[in-house]
Structures are given as structure tokens and as C-alpha cells.
Amino acid sequence: MATEQKHSNYLSEAESRLRKLSREKLRVAVAIIAYLQKIEENEASEKILLNIPDFAKYLREIAQNEDKLENTASNHIASDEEVWQAYLAVEKEWEEVFLKLADS
């Protein structure tokens, strides 16, 4: 009960102070309140997730796997020339297939 009363008192004081601010300062105050609310939501979500059995362990494993993937040669991005040469090779193969079909 005492906690609820303190909460109510804080809300009343905050409202009183907010009403005295200029429009610009009120906008800043609202942004700060939104930021604090987002932090509180994130902390609550984090607590919930960390209470899931082995969640932290799996999260670390995923991060380690991402690091491994970033450092592999399979992540090599082909150059334009490599892509063009592969395209030409496929085109040549299809041309040969079409010629065989035409001959049969």
C-alpha cells in the first residue's frame, strides 16, 4: 500500500512539473521518459529470456557460430568477372543442349 502511495505521489509530482515546462522542454521530457520506458522493457525482456533454461548458453553458441561463418572462405563474394564467366559457361552448356535437341 505504501509503495502504491509513493508511486501515485511521484506521478502527481511529475505531472505538476511537466505542466510547467515549455513546449520544447516538454518534448525533451517525453523523449527521456520514452527512453527510460524502453530501457525498462528491455531489462524485463532480458530477465525473462535469461530465466529460460540454457538460453544464455545457446545465445553464446549462436554468437560463436556467427563469428566462425564470418571468417570462412565460403563467405567470399564473387567478383563481377567471376559471375560473368559462370554465366557464359552456363549459356554455352544450354546452347549445346539446344543444338543436340535440334539434331535429334
PDB file of N, CA and C in Angstrom:
ATOM      1  N   MET A   1       0.827  -1.196   0.000  1.00  0.00           N
ATOM      2  CA  MET A   1       0.000   0.000   0.000  1.00  0.00           C
ATOM      3  C   MET A   1       0.869   1.257   0.000  1.00  0.00           C
ATOM      4  N   ALA A   2       1.914   1.257   0.832  1.00  0.00           N
ATOM      5  CA  ALA A   2       2.798   2.418   0.903  1.00  0.00           C
ATOM      6  C   ALA A   2       3.504   2.627  -0.427  1.00  0.00           C
ATOM      7  N   THR A   3       3.846   1.538  -1.098  1.00  0.00           N
ATOM      8  CA  THR A   3       4.515   1.629  -2.402  1.00  0.00           C
ATOM      9  C   THR A   3       3.590   2.257  -3.431  1.00  0.00           C
ATOM     10  N   GLU A   4       2.328   1.859  -3.420  1.00  0.00           N
ATOM     11  CA  GLU A   4       1.348   2.441  -4.346  1.00  0.00           C
ATOM     12  C   GLU A   4       1.182   3.933  -4.094  1.00  0.00           C
ATOM     13  N   GLN A   5       1.207   4.330  -2.841  1.00  0.00           N
ATOM     14  CA  GLN A   5       1.059   5.748  -2.491  1.00  0.00           C
ATOM     15  C   GLN A   5       2.256   6.545  -2.996  1.00  0.00           C
ATOM     16  N   LYS A   6       3.461   5.995  -2.817  1.00  0.00           N
ATOM     17  CA  LYS A   6       4.655   6.666  -3.311  1.00  0.00           C
ATOM     18  C   LYS A   6       4.601   6.803  -4.830  1.00  0.00           C
ATOM     19  N   HIS A   7       4.157   5.729  -5.487  1.00  0.00           N
ATOM     20  CA  HIS A   7       4.037   5.746  -6.947  1.00  0.00           C
ATOM     21  C   HIS A   7       3.068   6.845  -7.381  1.00  0.00           C
ATOM     22  N   SER A   8       1.952   6.919  -6.702  1.00  0.00           N
ATOM     23  CA  SER A   8       0.944   7.943  -7.011  1.00  0.00           C
ATOM     24  C   SER A   8       1.502   9.345  -6.770  1.00  0.00           C
ATOM     25  N   ASN A   9       2.263   9.503  -5.688  1.00  0.00           N
ATOM     26  CA  ASN A   9       2.862  10.809  -5.390  1.00  0.00           C
ATOM     27  C   ASN A   9       3.854  11.218  -6.473  1.00  0.00           C
ATOM     28  N   TYR A  10       4.663  10.246  -6.930  1.00  0.00           N
ATOM     29  CA  TYR A  10       5.620  10.543  -7.993  1.00  0.00           C
ATOM     30  C   TYR A  10       4.914  10.950  -9.279  1.00  0.00           C
ATOM     31  N   LEU A  11       3.827  10.254  -9.592  1.00  0.00           N
ATOM     32  CA  LEU A  11       3.078  10.595 -10.805  1.00  0.00           C
ATOM     33  C   LEU A  11       2.500  12.003 -10.709  1.00  0.00           C
ATOM     34  N   SER A  12       1.962  12.337  -9.570  1.00  0.00           N
ATOM     35  CA  SER A  12       1.393  13.683  -9.363  1.00  0.00           C
ATOM     36  C   SER A  12       2.478  14.746  -9.483  1.00  0.00           C
ATOM     37  N   GLU A  13       3.632  14.495  -8.870  1.00  0.00           N
ATOM     38  CA  GLU A  13       4.725  15.455  -8.937  1.00  0.00           C
ATOM     39  C   GLU A  13       5.227  15.598 -10.372  1.00  0.00           C
ATOM     40  N   ALA A  14       5.351  14.472 -11.083  1.00  0.00           N
ATOM     41  CA  ALA A  14       5.810  14.512 -12.474  1.00  0.00           C
ATOM     42  C   ALA A  14       4.829  15.310 -13.334  1.00  0.00           C
ATOM     43  N   GLU A  15       3.534  15.057 -13.152  1.00  0.00           N
ATOM     44  CA  GLU A  15       2.530  15.787 -13.931  1.00  0.00           C
ATOM     45  C   GLU A  15       2.595  17.278 -13.646  1.00  0.00           C
ATOM     46  N   SER A  16       2.732  17.631 -12.383  1.00  0.00           N
ATOM     47  CA  SER A  16       2.812  19.039 -11.994  1.00  0.00           C
ATOM     48  C   SER A  16       4.024  19.706 -12.646  1.00  0.00           C
ATOM     49  N   ARG A  17       5.158  19.042 -12.610  1.00  0.00           N
ATOM     50  CA  ARG A  17       6.371  19.604 -13.201  1.00  0.00           C
ATOM     51  C   ARG A  17       6.273  19.674 -14.726  1.00  0.00           C
ATOM     52  N   LEU A  18       5.696  18.651 -15.340  1.00  0.00           N
ATOM     53  CA  LEU A  18       5.558  18.639 -16.797  1.00  0.00           C
ATOM     54  C   LEU A  18       4.663  19.782 -17.274  1.00  0.00           C
ATOM     55  N   ARG A  19       3.625  20.082 -16.543  1.00  0.00           N
ATOM     56  CA  ARG A  19       2.706  21.161 -16.931  1.00  0.00           C
ATOM     57  C   ARG A  19       3.391  22.527 -16.921  1.00  0.00           C
ATOM     58  N   LYS A  20       4.470  22.671 -16.200  1.00  0.00           N
ATOM     59  CA  LYS A  20       5.164  23.957 -16.089  1.00  0.00           C
ATOM     60  C   LYS A  20       6.230  24.147 -17.167  1.00  0.00           C
ATOM     61  N   LEU A  21       6.494  23.128 -17.945  1.00  0.00           N
ATOM     62  CA  LEU A  21       7.538  23.205 -18.971  1.00  0.00           C
ATOM     63  C   LEU A  21       7.035  23.851 -20.251  1.00  0.00           C
ATOM     64  N   SER A  22       7.976  24.456 -20.983  1.00  0.00           N
ATOM     65  CA  SER A  22       7.653  24.973 -22.311  1.00  0.00           C
ATOM     66  C   SER A  22       7.441  23.783 -23.252  1.00  0.00           C
ATOM     67  N   ARG A  23       6.876  24.075 -24.407  1.00  0.00           N
ATOM     68  CA  ARG A  23       6.601  23.007 -25.371  1.00  0.00           C
ATOM     69  C   ARG A  23       7.870  22.255 -25.759  1.00  0.00           C
ATOM     70  N   GLU A  24       8.962  22.987 -25.997  1.00  0.00           N
ATOM     71  CA  GLU A  24      10.218  22.355 -26.397  1.00  0.00           C
ATOM     72  C   GLU A  24      10.769  21.458 -25.300  1.00  0.00           C
ATOM     73  N   LYS A  25      10.748  21.971 -24.064  1.00  0.00           N
ATOM     74  CA  LYS A  25      11.262  21.184 -22.935  1.00  0.00           C
ATOM     75  C   LYS A  25      10.347  19.989 -22.652  1.00  0.00           C
ATOM     76  N   LEU A  26       9.060  20.161 -22.865  1.00  0.00           N
ATOM     77  CA  LEU A  26       8.114  19.059 -22.666  1.00  0.00           C
ATOM     78  C   LEU A  26       8.403  17.941 -23.672  1.00  0.00           C
ATOM     79  N   ARG A  27       8.725  18.325 -24.903  1.00  0.00           N
ATOM     80  CA  ARG A  27       9.060  17.334 -25.925  1.00  0.00           C
ATOM     81  C   ARG A  27      10.311  16.544 -25.522  1.00  0.00           C
ATOM     82  N   VAL A  28      11.302  17.240 -24.964  1.00  0.00           N
ATOM     83  CA  VAL A  28      12.519  16.576 -24.493  1.00  0.00           C
ATOM     84  C   VAL A  28      12.188  15.634 -23.337  1.00  0.00           C
ATOM     85  N   ALA A  29      11.349  16.105 -22.404  1.00  0.00           N
ATOM     86  CA  ALA A  29      10.968  15.280 -21.251  1.00  0.00           C
ATOM     87  C   ALA A  29      10.248  14.010 -21.703  1.00  0.00           C
ATOM     88  N   VAL A  30       9.380  14.137 -22.681  1.00  0.00           N
ATOM     89  CA  VAL A  30       8.661  12.970 -23.200  1.00  0.00           C
ATOM     90  C   VAL A  30       9.644  11.994 -23.853  1.00  0.00           C
ATOM     91  N   ALA A  31      10.635  12.522 -24.575  1.00  0.00           N
ATOM     92  CA  ALA A  31      11.642  11.656 -25.199  1.00  0.00           C
ATOM     93  C   ALA A  31      12.447  10.922 -24.131  1.00  0.00           C
ATOM     94  N   ILE A  32      12.783  11.608 -23.056  1.00  0.00           N
ATOM     95  CA  ILE A  32      13.533  10.967 -21.968  1.00  0.00           C
ATOM     96  C   ILE A  32      12.683   9.891 -21.309  1.00  0.00           C
ATOM     97  N   ILE A  33      11.425  10.178 -21.084  1.00  0.00           N
ATOM     98  CA  ILE A  33      10.527   9.190 -20.476  1.00  0.00           C
ATOM     99  C   ILE A  33      10.391   7.975 -21.385  1.00  0.00           C
ATOM    100  N   ALA A  34      10.262   8.209 -22.682  1.00  0.00           N
ATOM    101  CA  ALA A  34      10.151   7.095 -23.635  1.00  0.00           C
ATOM    102  C   ALA A  34      11.425   6.254 -23.611  1.00  0.00           C
ATOM    103  N   TYR A  35      12.568   6.917 -23.524  1.00  0.00           N
ATOM    104  CA  TYR A  35      13.843   6.207 -23.464  1.00  0.00           C
ATOM    105  C   TYR A  35      13.914   5.347 -22.202  1.00  0.00           C
ATOM    106  N   LEU A  36      13.550   5.922 -21.061  1.00  0.00           N
ATOM    107  CA  LEU A  36      13.570   5.169 -19.806  1.00  0.00           C
ATOM    108  C   LEU A  36      12.605   3.989 -19.845  1.00  0.00           C
ATOM    109  N   GLN A  37      11.456   4.190 -20.473  1.00  0.00           N
ATOM    110  CA  GLN A  37      10.476   3.114 -20.588  1.00  0.00           C
ATOM    111  C   GLN A  37      11.031   1.979 -21.448  1.00  0.00           C
ATOM    112  N   LYS A  38      11.702   2.327 -22.538  1.00  0.00           N
ATOM    113  CA  LYS A  38      12.281   1.309 -23.420  1.00  0.00           C
ATOM    114  C   LYS A  38      13.357   0.513 -22.680  1.00  0.00           C
ATOM    115  N   ILE A  39      14.182   1.201 -21.892  1.00  0.00           N
ATOM    116  CA  ILE A  39      15.211   0.514 -21.104  1.00  0.00           C
ATOM    117  C   ILE A  39      14.553  -0.468 -20.139  1.00  0.00           C
ATOM    118  N   GLU A  40      13.498  -0.031 -19.485  1.00  0.00           N
ATOM    119  CA  GLU A  40      12.814  -0.899 -18.528  1.00  0.00           C
ATOM    120  C   GLU A  40      12.213  -2.117 -19.226  1.00  0.00           C
ATOM    121  N   GLU A  41      11.630  -1.916 -20.405  1.00  0.00           N
ATOM    122  CA  GLU A  41      11.069  -3.043 -21.165  1.00  0.00           C
ATOM    123  C   GLU A  41      12.165  -4.015 -21.583  1.00  0.00           C
ATOM    124  N   ASN A  42      13.301  -3.465 -22.023  1.00  0.00           N
ATOM    125  CA  ASN A  42      14.412  -4.331 -22.440  1.00  0.00           C
ATOM    126  C   ASN A  42      14.961  -5.125 -21.261  1.00  0.00           C
ATOM    127  N   GLU A  43      15.076  -4.481 -20.110  1.00  0.00           N
ATOM    128  CA  GLU A  43      15.567  -5.185 -18.928  1.00  0.00           C
ATOM    129  C   GLU A  43      14.610  -6.304 -18.534  1.00  0.00           C
ATOM    130  N   ALA A  44      13.303  -6.033 -18.628  1.00  0.00           N
ATOM    131  CA  ALA A  44      12.319  -7.064 -18.287  1.00  0.00           C
ATOM    132  C   ALA A  44      12.408  -8.230 -19.265  1.00  0.00           C
ATOM    133  N   SER A  45      12.543  -7.918 -20.541  1.00  0.00           N
ATOM    134  CA  SER A  45      12.668  -8.978 -21.559  1.00  0.00           C
ATOM    135  C   SER A  45      13.925  -9.796 -21.328  1.00  0.00           C
ATOM    136  N   GLU A  46      15.016  -9.097 -20.992  1.00  0.00           N
ATOM    137  CA  GLU A  46      16.283  -9.786 -20.750  1.00  0.00           C
ATOM    138  C   GLU A  46      16.159 -10.742 -19.569  1.00  0.00           C
ATOM    139  N   LYS A  47      15.515 -10.301 -18.505  1.00  0.00           N
ATOM    140  CA  LYS A  47      15.335 -11.163 -17.330  1.00  0.00           C
ATOM    141  C   LYS A  47      14.510 -12.393 -17.686  1.00  0.00           C
ATOM    142  N   ILE A  48      13.470 -12.193 -18.472  1.00  0.00           N
ATOM    143  CA  ILE A  48      12.616 -13.323 -18.875  1.00  0.00           C
ATOM    144  C   ILE A  48      13.414 -14.307 -19.713  1.00  0.00           C
ATOM    145  N   LEU A  49      14.168 -13.791 -20.690  1.00  0.00           N
ATOM    146  CA  LEU A  49      14.945 -14.670 -21.567  1.00  0.00           C
ATOM    147  C   LEU A  49      16.029 -15.417 -20.804  1.00  0.00           C
ATOM    148  N   LEU A  50      16.679 -14.731 -19.874  1.00  0.00           N
ATOM    149  CA  LEU A  50      17.753 -15.377 -19.125  1.00  0.00           C
ATOM    150  C   LEU A  50      17.231 -16.419 -18.145  1.00  0.00           C
ATOM    151  N   ASN A  51      15.928 -16.387 -17.857  1.00  0.00           N
ATOM    152  CA  ASN A  51      15.337 -17.405 -16.990  1.00  0.00           C
ATOM    153  C   ASN A  51      14.971 -18.679 -17.753  1.00  0.00           C
ATOM    154  N   ILE A  52      15.028 -18.616 -19.074  1.00  0.00           N
ATOM    155  CA  ILE A  52      14.774 -19.815 -19.881  1.00  0.00           C
ATOM    156  C   ILE A  52      15.987 -20.717 -19.731  1.00  0.00           C
ATOM    157  N   PRO A  53      15.778 -21.986 -19.375  1.00  0.00           N
ATOM    158  CA  PRO A  53      16.912 -22.891 -19.175  1.00  0.00           C
ATOM    159  C   PRO A  53      17.826 -22.932 -20.399  1.00  0.00           C
ATOM    160  N   ASP A  54      19.108 -22.756 -20.163  1.00  0.00           N
ATOM    161  CA  ASP A  54      20.166 -22.842 -21.179  1.00  0.00           C
ATOM    162  C   ASP A  54      20.102 -21.755 -22.254  1.00  0.00           C
ATOM    163  N   PHE A  55      19.279 -20.729 -22.066  1.00  0.00           N
ATOM    164  CA  PHE A  55      19.171 -19.681 -23.082  1.00  0.00           C
ATOM    165  C   PHE A  55      20.515 -18.974 -23.279  1.00  0.00           C
ATOM    166  N   ALA A  56      21.160 -18.611 -22.184  1.00  0.00           N
ATOM    167  CA  ALA A  56      22.440 -17.898 -22.283  1.00  0.00           C
ATOM    168  C   ALA A  56      23.472 -18.752 -23.014  1.00  0.00           C
ATOM    169  N   LYS A  57      23.468 -20.066 -22.745  1.00  0.00           N
ATOM    170  CA  LYS A  57      24.409 -20.979 -23.397  1.00  0.00           C
ATOM    171  C   LYS A  57      24.173 -21.003 -24.910  1.00  0.00           C
ATOM    172  N   TYR A  58      22.899 -21.122 -25.311  1.00  0.00           N
ATOM    173  CA  TYR A  58      22.581 -21.159 -26.741  1.00  0.00           C
ATOM    174  C   TYR A  58      22.897 -19.826 -27.415  1.00  0.00           C
ATOM    175  N   LEU A  59      22.672 -18.740 -26.711  1.00  0.00           N
ATOM    176  CA  LEU A  59      22.974 -17.424 -27.258  1.00  0.00           C
ATOM    177  C   LEU A  59      24.471 -17.295 -27.525  1.00  0.00           C
ATOM    178  N   ARG A  60      25.306 -17.771 -26.590  1.00  0.00           N
ATOM    179  CA  ARG A  60      26.760 -17.748 -26.793  1.00  0.00           C
ATOM    180  C   ARG A  60      27.155 -18.631 -27.973  1.00  0.00           C
ATOM    181  N   GLU A  61      26.525 -19.799 -28.093  1.00  0.00           N
ATOM    182  CA  GLU A  61      26.846 -20.701 -29.207  1.00  0.00           C
ATOM    183  C   GLU A  61      26.509 -20.063 -30.546  1.00  0.00           C
ATOM    184  N   ILE A  62      25.385 -19.390 -30.608  1.00  0.00           N
ATOM    185  CA  ILE A  62      24.988 -18.719 -31.853  1.00  0.00           C
ATOM    186  C   ILE A  62      26.005 -17.642 -32.201  1.00  0.00           C
ATOM    187  N   ALA A  63      26.420 -16.873 -31.214  1.00  0.00           N
ATOM    188  CA  ALA A  63      27.406 -15.817 -31.463  1.00  0.00           C
ATOM    189  C   ALA A  63      28.714 -16.411 -31.946  1.00  0.00           C
ATOM    190  N   GLN A  64      29.135 -17.517 -31.357  1.00  0.00           N
ATOM    191  CA  GLN A  64      30.374 -18.169 -31.783  1.00  0.00           C
ATOM    192  C   GLN A  64      30.248 -18.693 -33.212  1.00  0.00           C
ATOM    193  N   ASN A  65      29.102 -19.277 -33.548  1.00  0.00           N
ATOM    194  CA  ASN A  65      28.887 -19.787 -34.903  1.00  0.00           C
ATOM    195  C   ASN A  65      28.891 -18.655 -35.921  1.00  0.00           C
ATOM    196  N   GLU A  66      28.328 -17.495 -35.561  1.00  0.00           N
ATOM    197  CA  GLU A  66      28.341 -16.353 -36.469  1.00  0.00           C
ATOM    198  C   GLU A  66      29.767 -15.890 -36.721  1.00  0.00           C
ATOM    199  N   ASP A  67      30.578 -15.883 -35.653  1.00  0.00           N
ATOM    200  CA  ASP A  67      31.978 -15.499 -35.812  1.00  0.00           C
ATOM    201  C   ASP A  67      32.699 -16.455 -36.759  1.00  0.00           C
ATOM    202  N   LYS A  68      32.428 -17.753 -36.614  1.00  0.00           N
ATOM    203  CA  LYS A  68      33.059 -18.754 -37.481  1.00  0.00           C
ATOM    204  C   LYS A  68      32.636 -18.536 -38.933  1.00  0.00           C
ATOM    205  N   LEU A  69      31.353 -18.254 -39.153  1.00  0.00           N
ATOM    206  CA  LEU A  69      30.864 -18.056 -40.515  1.00  0.00           C
ATOM    207  C   LEU A  69      31.497 -16.838 -41.172  1.00  0.00           C
ATOM    208  N   GLU A  70      31.675 -15.782 -40.396  1.00  0.00           N
ATOM    209  CA  GLU A  70      32.256 -14.570 -40.956  1.00  0.00           C
ATOM    210  C   GLU A  70      33.690 -14.784 -41.408  1.00  0.00           C
ATOM    211  N   ASN A  71      34.367 -15.746 -40.820  1.00  0.00           N
ATOM    212  CA  ASN A  71      35.776 -15.961 -41.128  1.00  0.00           C
ATOM    213  C   ASN A  71      36.028 -17.095 -42.115  1.00  0.00           C
ATOM    214  N   THR A  72      34.989 -17.615 -42.749  1.00  0.00           N
ATOM    215  CA  THR A  72      35.191 -18.723 -43.677  1.00  0.00           C
ATOM    216  C   THR A  72      35.333 -18.222 -45.104  1.00  0.00           C
ATOM    217  N   ALA A  73      36.002 -19.024 -45.921  1.00  0.00           N
ATOM    218  CA  ALA A  73      36.193 -18.665 -47.329  1.00  0.00           C
ATOM    219  C   ALA A  73      34.880 -18.737 -48.095  1.00  0.00           C
ATOM    220  N   SER A  74      33.905 -19.488 -47.587  1.00  0.00           N
ATOM    221  CA  SER A  74      32.631 -19.609 -48.302  1.00  0.00           C
ATOM    222  C   SER A  74      31.861 -18.302 -48.294  1.00  0.00           C
ATOM    223  N   ASN A  75      32.266 -17.383 -47.453  1.00  0.00           N
ATOM    224  CA  ASN A  75      31.613 -16.082 -47.434  1.00  0.00           C
ATOM    225  C   ASN A  75      32.227 -15.127 -48.463  1.00  0.00           C
ATOM    226  N   HIS A  76      33.174 -15.637 -49.244  1.00  0.00           N
ATOM    227  CA  HIS A  76      33.807 -14.835 -50.273  1.00  0.00           C
ATOM    228  C   HIS A  76      32.757 -14.402 -51.292  1.00  0.00           C
ATOM    229  N   ILE A  77      32.735 -13.140 -51.601  1.00  0.00           N
ATOM    230  CA  ILE A  77      31.765 -12.627 -52.582  1.00  0.00           C
ATOM    231  C   ILE A  77      32.436 -12.622 -53.947  1.00  0.00           C
ATOM    232  N   ALA A  78      31.767 -13.232 -54.889  1.00  0.00           N
ATOM    233  CA  ALA A  78      32.336 -13.348 -56.230  1.00  0.00           C
ATOM    234  C   ALA A  78      32.435 -11.976 -56.882  1.00  0.00           C
ATOM    235  N   SER A  79      33.482 -11.807 -57.663  1.00  0.00           N
ATOM    236  CA  SER A  79      33.644 -10.558 -58.401  1.00  0.00           C
ATOM    237  C   SER A  79      32.703 -10.569 -59.597  1.00  0.00           C
ATOM    238  N   ASP A  80      32.504  -9.410 -60.193  1.00  0.00           N
ATOM    239  CA  ASP A  80      31.659  -9.309 -61.381  1.00  0.00           C
ATOM    240  C   ASP A  80      32.185 -10.209 -62.504  1.00  0.00           C
ATOM    241  N   GLU A  81      33.496 -10.263 -62.643  1.00  0.00           N
ATOM    242  CA  GLU A  81      34.096 -11.071 -63.702  1.00  0.00           C
ATOM    243  C   GLU A  81      33.809 -12.554 -63.481  1.00  0.00           C
ATOM    244  N   GLU A  82      33.918 -13.005 -62.231  1.00  0.00           N
ATOM    245  CA  GLU A  82      33.644 -14.413 -61.925  1.00  0.00           C
ATOM    246  C   GLU A  82      32.187 -14.760 -62.229  1.00  0.00           C
ATOM    247  N   VAL A  83      31.305 -13.871 -61.874  1.00  0.00           N
ATOM    248  CA  VAL A  83      29.877 -14.095 -62.130  1.00  0.00           C
ATOM    249  C   VAL A  83      29.626 -14.138 -63.634  1.00  0.00           C
ATOM    250  N   TRP A  84      30.236 -13.208 -64.376  1.00  0.00           N
ATOM    251  CA  TRP A  84      30.053 -13.168 -65.826  1.00  0.00           C
ATOM    252  C   TRP A  84      30.573 -14.447 -66.484  1.00  0.00           C
ATOM    253  N   GLN A  85      31.733 -14.915 -66.064  1.00  0.00           N
ATOM    254  CA  GLN A  85      32.306 -16.136 -66.637  1.00  0.00           C
ATOM    255  C   GLN A  85      31.420 -17.344 -66.330  1.00  0.00           C
ATOM    256  N   ALA A  86      30.873 -17.409 -65.122  1.00  0.00           N
ATOM    257  CA  ALA A  86      29.971 -18.519 -64.768  1.00  0.00           C
ATOM    258  C   ALA A  86      28.712 -18.457 -65.621  1.00  0.00           C
ATOM    259  N   TYR A  87      28.200 -17.261 -65.851  1.00  0.00           N
ATOM    260  CA  TYR A  87      27.013 -17.092 -66.692  1.00  0.00           C
ATOM    261  C   TYR A  87      27.299 -17.559 -68.118  1.00  0.00           C
ATOM    262  N   LEU A  88      28.440 -17.161 -68.663  1.00  0.00           N
ATOM    263  CA  LEU A  88      28.797 -17.564 -70.022  1.00  0.00           C
ATOM    264  C   LEU A  88      28.944 -19.072 -70.134  1.00  0.00           C
ATOM    265  N   ALA A  89      29.515 -19.713 -69.110  1.00  0.00           N
ATOM    266  CA  ALA A  89      29.677 -21.167 -69.117  1.00  0.00           C
ATOM    267  C   ALA A  89      28.317 -21.856 -69.135  1.00  0.00           C
ATOM    268  N   VAL A  90      27.388 -21.359 -68.363  1.00  0.00           N
ATOM    269  CA  VAL A  90      26.046 -21.947 -68.335  1.00  0.00           C
ATOM    270  C   VAL A  90      25.356 -21.725 -69.677  1.00  0.00           C
ATOM    271  N   GLU A  91      25.506 -20.552 -70.233  1.00  0.00           N
ATOM    272  CA  GLU A  91      24.915 -20.258 -71.542  1.00  0.00           C
ATOM    273  C   GLU A  91      25.454 -21.220 -72.601  1.00  0.00           C
ATOM    274  N   LYS A  92      26.755 -21.481 -72.564  1.00  0.00           N
ATOM    275  CA  LYS A  92      27.375 -22.394 -73.536  1.00  0.00           C
ATOM    276  C   LYS A  92      26.804 -23.804 -73.378  1.00  0.00           C
ATOM    277  N   GLU A  93      26.642 -24.241 -72.121  1.00  0.00           N
ATOM    278  CA  GLU A  93      26.070 -25.568 -71.869  1.00  0.00           C
ATOM    279  C   GLU A  93      24.650 -25.654 -72.421  1.00  0.00           C
ATOM    280  N   TRP A  94      23.846 -24.630 -72.201  1.00  0.00           N
ATOM    281  CA  TRP A  94      22.474 -24.652 -72.713  1.00  0.00           C
ATOM    282  C   TRP A  94      22.452 -24.629 -74.241  1.00  0.00           C
ATOM    283  N   GLU A  95      23.373 -23.888 -74.823  1.00  0.00           N
ATOM    284  CA  GLU A  95      23.454 -23.840 -76.281  1.00  0.00           C
ATOM    285  C   GLU A  95      23.744 -25.232 -76.840  1.00  0.00           C
ATOM    286  N   GLU A  96      24.638 -25.951 -76.181  1.00  0.00           N
ATOM    287  CA  GLU A  96      24.954 -27.317 -76.603  1.00  0.00           C
ATOM    288  C   GLU A  96      23.734 -28.223 -76.450  1.00  0.00           C
ATOM    289  N   VAL A  97      22.993 -28.058 -75.385  1.00  0.00           N
ATOM    290  CA  VAL A  97      21.774 -28.861 -75.172  1.00  0.00           C
ATOM    291  C   VAL A  97      20.771 -28.580 -76.272  1.00  0.00           C
ATOM    292  N   PHE A  98      20.577 -27.297 -76.615  1.00  0.00           N
ATOM    293  CA  PHE A  98      19.626 -26.943 -77.662  1.00  0.00           C
ATOM    294  C   PHE A  98      20.050 -27.501 -79.021  1.00  0.00           C
ATOM    295  N   LEU A  99      21.359 -27.459 -79.303  1.00  0.00           N
ATOM    296  CA  LEU A  99      21.844 -27.995 -80.576  1.00  0.00           C
ATOM    297  C   LEU A  99      21.614 -29.506 -80.651  1.00  0.00           C
ATOM    298  N   LYS A 100      21.850 -30.221 -79.558  1.00  0.00           N
ATOM    299  CA  LYS A 100      21.602 -31.678 -79.543  1.00  0.00           C
ATOM    300  C   LYS A 100      20.120 -31.977 -79.747  1.00  0.00           C
ATOM    301  N   LEU A 101      19.269 -31.156 -79.120  1.00  0.00           N
ATOM    302  CA  LEU A 101      17.819 -31.358 -79.284  1.00  0.00           C
ATOM    303  C   LEU A 101      17.401 -31.098 -80.726  1.00  0.00           C
ATOM    304  N   ALA A 102      17.989 -30.083 -81.315  1.00  0.00           N
ATOM    305  CA  ALA A 102      17.648 -29.755 -82.702  1.00  0.00           C
ATOM    306  C   ALA A 102      18.095 -30.862 -83.659  1.00  0.00           C
ATOM    307  N   ASP A 103      19.217 -31.486 -83.371  1.00  0.00           N
ATOM    308  CA  ASP A 103      19.754 -32.554 -84.222  1.00  0.00           C
ATOM    309  C   ASP A 103      18.975 -33.850 -84.079  1.00  0.00           C
ATOM    310  N   SER A 104      18.284 -34.054 -82.967  1.00  0.00           N
ATOM    311  CA  SER A 104      17.618 -35.337 -82.761  1.00  0.00           C
ATOM    312  C   SER A 104      16.272 -35.409 -83.427  1.00  0.00           C
TER     313      SER A 104
END
